[in-house]
Each structure stands twice: as C-alpha cells, then as structure tokens.
Amino acid sequence: MSEIAKPKNPEDDWKVWLVLNPAVWLMPILFAVLIIALVLHAVVFQMGFGWA
C-alpha cells in the first residue's frame, strides 16, 4: 500500500473545501434549520408561551 501524506496544518486546511463543497450542502442545511426554527416557534406559541 502507498503511504498517504499527513496534512500540514494549518497550511492544508483549505483542502477540506475541495471535498465539502458549501455550494452543495450549505443551503439545504440552512433551510432545514429555518424549518426547525419555525416549527419550534409554532409549537411554543401554541402552548401559550408567546407574547401576551
């Protein structure tokens, strides 16, 4: 087996974005967080803990 070069941090930290492309995962995660926040607020207001 070939040896895998160990990363030289922090010089190689930028390379993680070659694998984790924010254009793919950032917006779906933000939309999911928005939906969770809206549902949570709806439940809390339904329980009567909203503004008087």
Protein backbone atom coordinates (compact mmCIF):
# COMPACT_ATOMS: atom_id res chain seq x y z
CA MET A 1 0.00 0.00 0.00
CA SER A 2 1.09 3.51 -0.69
CA GLU A 3 1.67 5.88 2.14
CA ILE A 4 -0.76 8.77 2.48
CA ALA A 5 0.90 12.07 3.19
CA LYS A 6 -0.13 13.57 6.51
CA PRO A 7 -1.60 17.07 6.26
CA LYS A 8 0.45 20.04 7.33
CA ASN A 9 -1.96 22.09 9.40
CA PRO A 10 -2.90 24.90 9.03
CA GLU A 11 -1.33 25.15 5.55
CA ASP A 12 -3.54 22.35 4.18
CA ASP A 13 -6.81 23.38 5.86
CA TRP A 14 -8.18 24.91 2.64
CA LYS A 15 -8.22 21.46 1.00
CA VAL A 16 -11.21 20.32 3.06
CA TRP A 17 -13.40 22.63 0.94
CA LEU A 18 -12.46 20.62 -2.14
CA VAL A 19 -14.40 17.72 -0.59
CA LEU A 20 -17.03 19.59 1.45
CA ASN A 21 -18.33 21.98 -1.17
CA PRO A 22 -20.56 24.59 0.53
CA ALA A 23 -22.47 25.10 -2.73
CA VAL A 24 -23.89 21.61 -2.24
CA TRP A 25 -24.66 21.40 1.47
CA LEU A 26 -24.92 24.93 2.88
CA MET A 27 -28.36 25.97 1.59
CA PRO A 28 -30.13 22.67 2.40
CA ILE A 29 -28.78 22.82 5.94
CA LEU A 30 -29.87 26.45 6.34
CA PHE A 31 -33.34 25.65 5.01
CA ALA A 32 -33.60 22.72 7.43
CA VAL A 33 -32.58 24.98 10.32
CA LEU A 34 -35.19 27.55 9.23
CA ILE A 35 -37.93 24.92 9.11
CA ILE A 36 -36.94 23.57 12.54
CA ALA A 37 -36.99 27.10 13.99
CA LEU A 38 -40.41 27.86 12.50
CA VAL A 39 -41.90 24.61 13.79
CA LEU A 40 -40.38 25.15 17.22
CA HIS A 41 -41.79 28.68 17.42
CA ALA A 42 -45.21 27.47 16.28
CA VAL A 43 -45.24 24.79 19.00
CA VAL A 44 -44.12 27.20 21.70
CA PHE A 45 -46.75 29.78 20.72
CA GLN A 46 -49.41 27.06 20.54
CA MET A 47 -48.56 26.07 24.13
CA GLY A 48 -49.20 29.64 25.28
CA PHE A 49 -45.64 30.71 25.98
CA GLY A 50 -45.69 33.53 23.40
CA TRP A 51 -46.08 37.22 23.95
CA ALA A 52 -49.07 38.36 25.96
